[in-house]
Amino acid sequence: MSKVCDICGKGPVFGGSVCRRGMAKKKGGVGINITGRSKRMFYPNIQTVRVMQEDSRVKLNVCTSCVKAGKTIVVK
């Protein structure tokens, strides 16, 4: 299944994950050290939904924010 929304075009976004060790100075520690960084991806919440298009039912891959905003007419 595609990881891109068929309506708004929202897709995967690159980001980073940071590992930390130690206690914050304002909590009484000596400070926080960053021990590692790793690349990761953030995926949109894509769902397969049946939608009415031109008097026919079509299955689309739609993100949940488009479903919640009412950009689709969901057929049950």
Protein backbone atom coordinates (compact mmCIF):
# COMPACT_ATOMS: atom_id res chain seq x y z
CA MET A 1 0.00 0.00 0.00
CA SER A 2 1.21 3.49 -0.81
CA LYS A 3 2.35 5.73 2.03
CA VAL A 4 1.02 8.87 0.31
CA CYS A 5 -2.48 10.33 0.72
CA ASP A 6 -4.44 10.36 -2.54
CA ILE A 7 -6.21 13.62 -1.60
CA CYS A 8 -3.70 15.96 0.03
CA GLY A 9 -0.43 14.29 -1.03
CA LYS A 10 0.88 13.95 2.52
CA GLY A 11 3.76 11.48 2.64
CA PRO A 12 6.67 10.31 4.79
CA VAL A 13 8.82 12.96 6.51
CA PHE A 14 12.44 12.50 7.59
CA GLY A 15 13.44 13.35 11.15
CA GLY A 16 15.76 12.38 13.93
CA SER A 17 15.66 10.54 17.22
CA VAL A 18 17.94 11.73 20.03
CA CYS A 19 19.11 9.52 22.93
CA ARG A 20 19.97 11.38 26.12
CA ARG A 21 21.68 10.39 29.37
CA GLY A 22 21.81 12.23 32.67
CA MET A 23 19.65 14.51 34.77
CA ALA A 24 18.76 18.13 34.02
CA LYS A 25 20.62 20.81 35.98
CA LYS A 26 17.39 22.39 37.20
CA LYS A 27 16.43 19.00 38.69
CA GLY A 28 19.69 18.76 40.61
CA GLY A 29 21.84 16.88 38.13
CA VAL A 30 25.05 17.78 36.36
CA GLY A 31 23.45 18.09 32.92
CA ILE A 32 22.12 16.02 30.06
CA ASN A 33 24.44 14.52 27.47
CA ILE A 34 23.36 13.45 23.99
CA THR A 35 24.71 9.94 23.49
CA GLY A 36 23.39 9.17 20.03
CA ARG A 37 21.39 10.40 17.09
CA SER A 38 19.66 8.24 14.54
CA LYS A 39 17.72 9.00 11.40
CA ARG A 40 14.10 7.88 11.29
CA MET A 41 10.92 8.48 9.32
CA PHE A 42 7.50 9.71 10.39
CA TYR A 43 4.66 8.15 8.40
CA PRO A 44 1.15 9.59 8.02
CA ASN A 45 -1.80 7.53 9.25
CA ILE A 46 -3.03 6.19 5.89
CA GLN A 47 -6.27 4.20 5.75
CA THR A 48 -7.96 2.49 2.80
CA VAL A 49 -11.43 4.03 2.44
CA ARG A 50 -14.28 3.45 -0.02
CA VAL A 51 -15.31 6.78 -1.54
CA MET A 52 -18.08 7.79 -3.96
CA GLN A 53 -16.66 9.30 -7.15
CA GLU A 54 -18.88 9.97 -10.18
CA ASP A 55 -21.61 7.47 -9.20
CA SER A 56 -19.16 4.66 -8.45
CA ARG A 57 -17.36 3.38 -5.38
CA VAL A 58 -13.58 3.69 -5.46
CA LYS A 59 -11.00 2.60 -2.88
CA LEU A 60 -8.54 5.38 -2.01
CA ASN A 61 -5.60 5.61 0.38
CA VAL A 62 -6.51 8.60 2.55
CA CYS A 63 -4.88 10.08 5.65
CA THR A 64 -7.05 10.30 8.74
CA SER A 65 -6.80 14.09 8.86
CA CYS A 66 -8.58 14.27 5.46
CA VAL A 67 -11.26 11.83 6.65
CA LYS A 68 -11.77 13.85 9.83
CA ALA A 69 -11.93 17.15 7.89
CA GLY A 70 -14.67 15.73 5.64
CA LYS A 71 -12.71 15.96 2.40
CA THR A 72 -14.10 12.53 1.45
CA ILE A 73 -17.61 11.10 1.38
CA VAL A 74 -17.00 7.75 3.07
CA VAL A 75 -19.24 4.88 1.95
CA LYS A 76 -19.88 2.09 4.44
